[in-house]
Structure formats: structure tokens, C-alpha cells
Amino acid sequence: MFSILAEEIGPTLEVDLNDSFYSRDVKESIIKKYPDLKNIIDQSLVAIDEEYADESLFSLNSVDEIALIPPVSGG
């Protein structure tokens, strides 16, 4: 977790996923635990093993880290 999500949830979180999953499954699992953060989670990107995830099917056996990266703003 990063930014506002880390402030609200903490830097790490355990989620329940099937052995095979899509990046959207990560978001849905977190939204179930934190429904008040749905808007920011929906806008966030999922990174798997330090690479932005597409909608491919992933296997938990080959994944070391999953990160949720909220939108960045600044000036």
C-alpha cells in the first residue's frame, strides 16, 4: 500500500485470493474489507512483482508481492 491507502489501511494487508486470480480480484478483495475506500481503490493500479498488472490471469505460486498504487497528484 502507498500514499492515502497506507495511511488508512497500513503498509501491508492480507487478502483472500484464489490460486489463480486477475488484478481486479485484488481490488475486489480489498473493497470487501474497506468499502469506504472503494472510490480510491477503483482508481488505483495493481502492481505484481513490481510491474503494473494487466488483466492477465496470475498464479499465486509465482507471485512474490502485490502492491496497490493510488493515483498521484502534486505540483
PDB file of N, CA and C in Angstrom:
ATOM      1  N   MET A   1       0.835  -1.170   0.000  1.00  0.00           N
ATOM      2  CA  MET A   1       0.000   0.000   0.000  1.00  0.00           C
ATOM      3  C   MET A   1       0.887   1.242   0.000  1.00  0.00           C
ATOM      4  N   PHE A   2       0.398   2.263  -0.635  1.00  0.00           N
ATOM      5  CA  PHE A   2       1.131   3.511  -0.717  1.00  0.00           C
ATOM      6  C   PHE A   2       0.181   4.677  -0.465  1.00  0.00           C
ATOM      7  N   SER A   3       0.759   5.817  -0.119  1.00  0.00           N
ATOM      8  CA  SER A   3       0.043   7.080  -0.030  1.00  0.00           C
ATOM      9  C   SER A   3      -1.175   6.989   0.888  1.00  0.00           C
ATOM     10  N   ILE A   4      -2.300   7.467   0.423  1.00  0.00           N
ATOM     11  CA  ILE A   4      -3.518   7.529   1.242  1.00  0.00           C
ATOM     12  C   ILE A   4      -3.965   6.142   1.688  1.00  0.00           C
ATOM     13  N   LEU A   5      -3.760   5.137   0.862  1.00  0.00           N
ATOM     14  CA  LEU A   5      -4.158   3.782   1.256  1.00  0.00           C
ATOM     15  C   LEU A   5      -3.308   3.273   2.411  1.00  0.00           C
ATOM     16  N   ALA A   6      -2.021   3.574   2.397  1.00  0.00           N
ATOM     17  CA  ALA A   6      -1.153   3.171   3.509  1.00  0.00           C
ATOM     18  C   ALA A   6      -1.549   3.895   4.787  1.00  0.00           C
ATOM     19  N   GLU A   7      -1.961   5.152   4.663  1.00  0.00           N
ATOM     20  CA  GLU A   7      -2.403   5.910   5.832  1.00  0.00           C
ATOM     21  C   GLU A   7      -3.688   5.326   6.416  1.00  0.00           C
ATOM     22  N   GLU A   8      -4.594   4.903   5.567  1.00  0.00           N
ATOM     23  CA  GLU A   8      -5.893   4.396   6.015  1.00  0.00           C
ATOM     24  C   GLU A   8      -5.852   2.924   6.433  1.00  0.00           C
ATOM     25  N   ILE A   9      -5.088   2.112   5.716  1.00  0.00           N
ATOM     26  CA  ILE A   9      -5.091   0.662   5.920  1.00  0.00           C
ATOM     27  C   ILE A   9      -3.828   0.182   6.623  1.00  0.00           C
ATOM     28  N   GLY A  10      -2.717   0.822   6.333  1.00  0.00           N
ATOM     29  CA  GLY A  10      -1.411   0.375   6.805  1.00  0.00           C
ATOM     30  C   GLY A  10      -0.583  -0.058   5.611  1.00  0.00           C
ATOM     31  N   PRO A  11       0.711  -0.293   5.812  1.00  0.00           N
ATOM     32  CA  PRO A  11       1.576  -0.603   4.673  1.00  0.00           C
ATOM     33  C   PRO A  11       1.380  -2.002   4.088  1.00  0.00           C
ATOM     34  N   THR A  12       0.848  -2.919   4.883  1.00  0.00           N
ATOM     35  CA  THR A  12       0.619  -4.276   4.378  1.00  0.00           C
ATOM     36  C   THR A  12      -0.773  -4.751   4.754  1.00  0.00           C
ATOM     37  N   LEU A  13      -1.265  -5.705   3.987  1.00  0.00           N
ATOM     38  CA  LEU A  13      -2.605  -6.238   4.193  1.00  0.00           C
ATOM     39  C   LEU A  13      -2.656  -7.639   3.606  1.00  0.00           C
ATOM     40  N   GLU A  14      -3.315  -8.538   4.289  1.00  0.00           N
ATOM     41  CA  GLU A  14      -3.544  -9.869   3.737  1.00  0.00           C
ATOM     42  C   GLU A  14      -4.918  -9.896   3.087  1.00  0.00           C
ATOM     43  N   VAL A  15      -4.977 -10.471   1.891  1.00  0.00           N
ATOM     44  CA  VAL A  15      -6.249 -10.606   1.185  1.00  0.00           C
ATOM     45  C   VAL A  15      -6.436 -12.060   0.784  1.00  0.00           C
ATOM     46  N   ASP A  16      -7.682 -12.450   0.651  1.00  0.00           N
ATOM     47  CA  ASP A  16      -8.012 -13.807   0.227  1.00  0.00           C
ATOM     48  C   ASP A  16      -8.153 -13.834  -1.290  1.00  0.00           C
ATOM     49  N   LEU A  17      -7.325 -14.653  -1.932  1.00  0.00           N
ATOM     50  CA  LEU A  17      -7.376 -14.806  -3.381  1.00  0.00           C
ATOM     51  C   LEU A  17      -7.354 -16.287  -3.724  1.00  0.00           C
ATOM     52  N   ASN A  18      -7.938 -16.629  -4.856  1.00  0.00           N
ATOM     53  CA  ASN A  18      -7.839 -17.994  -5.366  1.00  0.00           C
ATOM     54  C   ASN A  18      -6.413 -18.238  -5.846  1.00  0.00           C
ATOM     55  N   ASP A  19      -6.068 -19.482  -6.093  1.00  0.00           N
ATOM     56  CA  ASP A  19      -4.728 -19.804  -6.592  1.00  0.00           C
ATOM     57  C   ASP A  19      -4.435 -19.099  -7.910  1.00  0.00           C
ATOM     58  N   SER A  20      -5.446 -18.914  -8.726  1.00  0.00           N
ATOM     59  CA  SER A  20      -5.340 -18.135  -9.956  1.00  0.00           C
ATOM     60  C   SER A  20      -6.264 -16.934  -9.806  1.00  0.00           C
ATOM     61  N   PHE A  21      -5.771 -15.753 -10.182  1.00  0.00           N
ATOM     62  CA  PHE A  21      -6.563 -14.544  -9.976  1.00  0.00           C
ATOM     63  C   PHE A  21      -6.210 -13.488 -11.022  1.00  0.00           C
ATOM     64  N   TYR A  22      -7.119 -12.523 -11.166  1.00  0.00           N
ATOM     65  CA  TYR A  22      -6.907 -11.353 -12.010  1.00  0.00           C
ATOM     66  C   TYR A  22      -6.622 -10.160 -11.106  1.00  0.00           C
ATOM     67  N   SER A  23      -6.020  -9.112 -11.661  1.00  0.00           N
ATOM     68  CA  SER A  23      -5.715  -7.939 -10.842  1.00  0.00           C
ATOM     69  C   SER A  23      -6.980  -7.328 -10.243  1.00  0.00           C
ATOM     70  N   ARG A  24      -8.091  -7.398 -10.957  1.00  0.00           N
ATOM     71  CA  ARG A  24      -9.339  -6.839 -10.417  1.00  0.00           C
ATOM     72  C   ARG A  24      -9.794  -7.597  -9.166  1.00  0.00           C
ATOM     73  N   ASP A  25      -9.420  -8.883  -9.050  1.00  0.00           N
ATOM     74  CA  ASP A  25      -9.768  -9.662  -7.859  1.00  0.00           C
ATOM     75  C   ASP A  25      -9.084  -9.099  -6.616  1.00  0.00           C
ATOM     76  N   VAL A  26      -7.880  -8.559  -6.787  1.00  0.00           N
ATOM     77  CA  VAL A  26      -7.165  -7.939  -5.669  1.00  0.00           C
ATOM     78  C   VAL A  26      -7.972  -6.749  -5.156  1.00  0.00           C
ATOM     79  N   LYS A  27      -8.393  -5.887  -6.075  1.00  0.00           N
ATOM     80  CA  LYS A  27      -9.174  -4.708  -5.686  1.00  0.00           C
ATOM     81  C   LYS A  27     -10.487  -5.113  -5.016  1.00  0.00           C
ATOM     82  N   GLU A  28     -11.186  -6.077  -5.592  1.00  0.00           N
ATOM     83  CA  GLU A  28     -12.469  -6.507  -5.030  1.00  0.00           C
ATOM     84  C   GLU A  28     -12.306  -7.061  -3.621  1.00  0.00           C
ATOM     85  N   SER A  29     -11.229  -7.784  -3.381  1.00  0.00           N
ATOM     86  CA  SER A  29     -10.979  -8.343  -2.054  1.00  0.00           C
ATOM     87  C   SER A  29     -10.727  -7.236  -1.029  1.00  0.00           C
ATOM     88  N   ILE A  30     -10.002  -6.204  -1.427  1.00  0.00           N
ATOM     89  CA  ILE A  30      -9.726  -5.093  -0.508  1.00  0.00           C
ATOM     90  C   ILE A  30     -10.979  -4.265  -0.274  1.00  0.00           C
ATOM     91  N   ILE A  31     -11.766  -4.055  -1.305  1.00  0.00           N
ATOM     92  CA  ILE A  31     -13.012  -3.292  -1.156  1.00  0.00           C
ATOM     93  C   ILE A  31     -13.962  -3.987  -0.188  1.00  0.00           C
ATOM     94  N   LYS A  32     -13.981  -5.311  -0.187  1.00  0.00           N
ATOM     95  CA  LYS A  32     -14.830  -6.038   0.767  1.00  0.00           C
ATOM     96  C   LYS A  32     -14.448  -5.709   2.204  1.00  0.00           C
ATOM     97  N   LYS A  33     -13.152  -5.536   2.464  1.00  0.00           N
ATOM     98  CA  LYS A  33     -12.680  -5.223   3.814  1.00  0.00           C
ATOM     99  C   LYS A  33     -12.800  -3.739   4.139  1.00  0.00           C
ATOM    100  N   TYR A  34     -12.683  -2.889   3.122  1.00  0.00           N
ATOM    101  CA  TYR A  34     -12.681  -1.439   3.310  1.00  0.00           C
ATOM    102  C   TYR A  34     -13.620  -0.768   2.302  1.00  0.00           C
ATOM    103  N   PRO A  35     -14.924  -0.968   2.439  1.00  0.00           N
ATOM    104  CA  PRO A  35     -15.864  -0.417   1.456  1.00  0.00           C
ATOM    105  C   PRO A  35     -15.844   1.110   1.378  1.00  0.00           C
ATOM    106  N   ASP A  36     -15.472   1.785   2.456  1.00  0.00           N
ATOM    107  CA  ASP A  36     -15.416   3.250   2.431  1.00  0.00           C
ATOM    108  C   ASP A  36     -14.322   3.772   1.500  1.00  0.00           C
ATOM    109  N   LEU A  37     -13.376   2.925   1.139  1.00  0.00           N
ATOM    110  CA  LEU A  37     -12.270   3.334   0.272  1.00  0.00           C
ATOM    111  C   LEU A  37     -12.466   2.892  -1.175  1.00  0.00           C
ATOM    112  N   LYS A  38     -13.687   2.476  -1.517  1.00  0.00           N
ATOM    113  CA  LYS A  38     -13.966   1.935  -2.851  1.00  0.00           C
ATOM    114  C   LYS A  38     -13.520   2.870  -3.974  1.00  0.00           C
ATOM    115  N   ASN A  39     -13.841   4.159  -3.873  1.00  0.00           N
ATOM    116  CA  ASN A  39     -13.505   5.089  -4.960  1.00  0.00           C
ATOM    117  C   ASN A  39     -12.006   5.144  -5.218  1.00  0.00           C
ATOM    118  N   ILE A  40     -11.214   5.266  -4.166  1.00  0.00           N
ATOM    119  CA  ILE A  40      -9.764   5.362  -4.339  1.00  0.00           C
ATOM    120  C   ILE A  40      -9.175   4.025  -4.795  1.00  0.00           C
ATOM    121  N   ILE A  41      -9.716   2.926  -4.297  1.00  0.00           N
ATOM    122  CA  ILE A  41      -9.233   1.605  -4.719  1.00  0.00           C
ATOM    123  C   ILE A  41      -9.549   1.377  -6.198  1.00  0.00           C
ATOM    124  N   ASP A  42     -10.747   1.755  -6.624  1.00  0.00           N
ATOM    125  CA  ASP A  42     -11.119   1.603  -8.034  1.00  0.00           C
ATOM    126  C   ASP A  42     -10.190   2.391  -8.955  1.00  0.00           C
ATOM    127  N   GLN A  43      -9.698   3.537  -8.487  1.00  0.00           N
ATOM    128  CA  GLN A  43      -8.816   4.381  -9.295  1.00  0.00           C
ATOM    129  C   GLN A  43      -7.351   3.947  -9.225  1.00  0.00           C
ATOM    130  N   SER A  44      -7.033   3.040  -8.329  1.00  0.00           N
ATOM    131  CA  SER A  44      -5.651   2.617  -8.109  1.00  0.00           C
ATOM    132  C   SER A  44      -5.208   1.576  -9.132  1.00  0.00           C
ATOM    133  N   LEU A  45      -3.906   1.488  -9.307  1.00  0.00           N
ATOM    134  CA  LEU A  45      -3.312   0.477 -10.176  1.00  0.00           C
ATOM    135  C   LEU A  45      -2.780  -0.664  -9.327  1.00  0.00           C
ATOM    136  N   VAL A  46      -2.826  -1.849  -9.871  1.00  0.00           N
ATOM    137  CA  VAL A  46      -2.272  -3.021  -9.200  1.00  0.00           C
ATOM    138  C   VAL A  46      -0.911  -3.316  -9.825  1.00  0.00           C
ATOM    139  N   ALA A  47       0.077  -3.537  -8.973  1.00  0.00           N
ATOM    140  CA  ALA A  47       1.401  -3.959  -9.439  1.00  0.00           C
ATOM    141  C   ALA A  47       1.690  -5.336  -8.851  1.00  0.00           C
ATOM    142  N   ILE A  48       2.185  -6.214  -9.673  1.00  0.00           N
ATOM    143  CA  ILE A  48       2.532  -7.566  -9.235  1.00  0.00           C
ATOM    144  C   ILE A  48       4.018  -7.770  -9.510  1.00  0.00           C
ATOM    145  N   ASP A  49       4.746  -8.052  -8.438  1.00  0.00           N
ATOM    146  CA  ASP A  49       6.204  -8.193  -8.522  1.00  0.00           C
ATOM    147  C   ASP A  49       6.839  -6.987  -9.218  1.00  0.00           C
ATOM    148  N   GLU A  50       6.430  -5.790  -8.776  1.00  0.00           N
ATOM    149  CA  GLU A  50       6.993  -4.503  -9.198  1.00  0.00           C
ATOM    150  C   GLU A  50       6.726  -4.139 -10.655  1.00  0.00           C
ATOM    151  N   GLU A  51       5.701  -4.726 -11.263  1.00  0.00           N
ATOM    152  CA  GLU A  51       5.289  -4.349 -12.611  1.00  0.00           C
ATOM    153  C   GLU A  51       3.784  -4.142 -12.617  1.00  0.00           C
ATOM    154  N   TYR A  52       3.346  -3.074 -13.299  1.00  0.00           N
ATOM    155  CA  TYR A  52       1.912  -2.838 -13.383  1.00  0.00           C
ATOM    156  C   TYR A  52       1.235  -4.046 -14.014  1.00  0.00           C
ATOM    157  N   ALA A  53       0.131  -4.455 -13.421  1.00  0.00           N
ATOM    158  CA  ALA A  53      -0.577  -5.656 -13.867  1.00  0.00           C
ATOM    159  C   ALA A  53      -1.619  -5.306 -14.919  1.00  0.00           C
ATOM    160  N   ASP A  54      -1.716  -6.139 -15.924  1.00  0.00           N
ATOM    161  CA  ASP A  54      -2.805  -6.026 -16.887  1.00  0.00           C
ATOM    162  C   ASP A  54      -3.907  -6.976 -16.428  1.00  0.00           C
ATOM    163  N   GLU A  55      -4.797  -7.332 -17.297  1.00  0.00           N
ATOM    164  CA  GLU A  55      -5.897  -8.221 -16.903  1.00  0.00           C
ATOM    165  C   GLU A  55      -5.590  -9.686 -17.196  1.00  0.00           C
ATOM    166  N   SER A  56      -4.315 -10.029 -17.189  1.00  0.00           N
ATOM    167  CA  SER A  56      -3.920 -11.428 -17.355  1.00  0.00           C
ATOM    168  C   SER A  56      -4.271 -12.221 -16.110  1.00  0.00           C
ATOM    169  N   LEU A  57      -4.323 -13.511 -16.260  1.00  0.00           N
ATOM    170  CA  LEU A  57      -4.537 -14.415 -15.132  1.00  0.00           C
ATOM    171  C   LEU A  57      -3.191 -14.665 -14.463  1.00  0.00           C
ATOM    172  N   PHE A  58      -3.133 -14.466 -13.148  1.00  0.00           N
ATOM    173  CA  PHE A  58      -1.898 -14.655 -12.388  1.00  0.00           C
ATOM    174  C   PHE A  58      -2.038 -15.872 -11.487  1.00  0.00           C
ATOM    175  N   SER A  59      -0.914 -16.446 -11.133  1.00  0.00           N
ATOM    176  CA  SER A  59      -0.881 -17.595 -10.231  1.00  0.00           C
ATOM    177  C   SER A  59      -0.189 -17.194  -8.939  1.00  0.00           C
ATOM    178  N   LEU A  60      -0.827 -17.490  -7.802  1.00  0.00           N
ATOM    179  CA  LEU A  60      -0.225 -17.158  -6.514  1.00  0.00           C
ATOM    180  C   LEU A  60       1.132 -17.822  -6.331  1.00  0.00           C
ATOM    181  N   ASN A  61       1.334 -18.977  -6.924  1.00  0.00           N
ATOM    182  CA  ASN A  61       2.607 -19.683  -6.783  1.00  0.00           C
ATOM    183  C   ASN A  61       3.774 -18.902  -7.360  1.00  0.00           C
ATOM    184  N   SER A  62       3.517 -18.041  -8.337  1.00  0.00           N
ATOM    185  CA  SER A  62       4.601 -17.307  -8.987  1.00  0.00           C
ATOM    186  C   SER A  62       4.661 -15.840  -8.572  1.00  0.00           C
ATOM    187  N   VAL A  63       3.837 -15.428  -7.613  1.00  0.00           N
ATOM    188  CA  VAL A  63       3.772 -14.031  -7.193  1.00  0.00           C
ATOM    189  C   VAL A  63       4.462 -13.860  -5.849  1.00  0.00           C
ATOM    190  N   ASP A  64       5.382 -12.888  -5.786  1.00  0.00           N
ATOM    191  CA  ASP A  64       6.059 -12.590  -4.528  1.00  0.00           C
ATOM    192  C   ASP A  64       5.436 -11.396  -3.811  1.00  0.00           C
ATOM    193  N   GLU A  65       4.974 -10.409  -4.580  1.00  0.00           N
ATOM    194  CA  GLU A  65       4.443  -9.191  -3.975  1.00  0.00           C
ATOM    195  C   GLU A  65       3.343  -8.601  -4.843  1.00  0.00           C
ATOM    196  N   ILE A  66       2.301  -8.116  -4.182  1.00  0.00           N
ATOM    197  CA  ILE A  66       1.226  -7.396  -4.857  1.00  0.00           C
ATOM    198  C   ILE A  66       1.134  -6.032  -4.198  1.00  0.00           C
ATOM    199  N   ALA A  67       1.108  -4.975  -5.008  1.00  0.00           N
ATOM    200  CA  ALA A  67       1.002  -3.616  -4.476  1.00  0.00           C
ATOM    201  C   ALA A  67      -0.194  -2.921  -5.107  1.00  0.00           C
ATOM    202  N   LEU A  68      -0.833  -2.071  -4.328  1.00  0.00           N
ATOM    203  CA  LEU A  68      -1.931  -1.249  -4.825  1.00  0.00           C
ATOM    204  C   LEU A  68      -1.447   0.192  -4.781  1.00  0.00           C
ATOM    205  N   ILE A  69      -1.424   0.844  -5.940  1.00  0.00           N
ATOM    206  CA  ILE A  69      -0.844   2.174  -6.058  1.00  0.00           C
ATOM    207  C   ILE A  69      -1.939   3.170  -6.427  1.00  0.00           C
ATOM    208  N   PRO A  70      -2.291   4.062  -5.480  1.00  0.00           N
ATOM    209  CA  PRO A  70      -3.343   5.036  -5.744  1.00  0.00           C
ATOM    210  C   PRO A  70      -2.866   6.116  -6.714  1.00  0.00           C
ATOM    211  N   PRO A  71      -3.808   6.880  -7.286  1.00  0.00           N
ATOM    212  CA  PRO A  71      -3.422   7.961  -8.191  1.00  0.00           C
ATOM    213  C   PRO A  71      -2.527   8.965  -7.461  1.00  0.00           C
ATOM    214  N   VAL A  72      -1.625   9.548  -8.213  1.00  0.00           N
ATOM    215  CA  VAL A  72      -0.685  10.517  -7.647  1.00  0.00           C
ATOM    216  C   VAL A  72      -1.074  11.904  -8.130  1.00  0.00           C
ATOM    217  N   SER A  73      -1.015  12.856  -7.224  1.00  0.00           N
ATOM    218  CA  SER A  73      -1.250  14.244  -7.612  1.00  0.00           C
ATOM    219  C   SER A  73      -0.161  15.095  -6.988  1.00  0.00           C
ATOM    220  N   GLY A  74       0.004  16.224  -7.504  1.00  0.00           N
ATOM    221  CA  GLY A  74       1.031  17.107  -6.957  1.00  0.00           C
ATOM    222  C   GLY A  74       1.266  18.268  -7.891  1.00  0.00           C
ATOM    223  N   GLY A  75       2.264  19.000  -7.573  1.00  0.00           N
ATOM    224  CA  GLY A  75       2.538  20.154  -8.411  1.00  0.00           C
ATOM    225  C   GLY A  75       3.940  20.620  -8.260  1.00  0.00           C
TER     226      GLY A  75
END
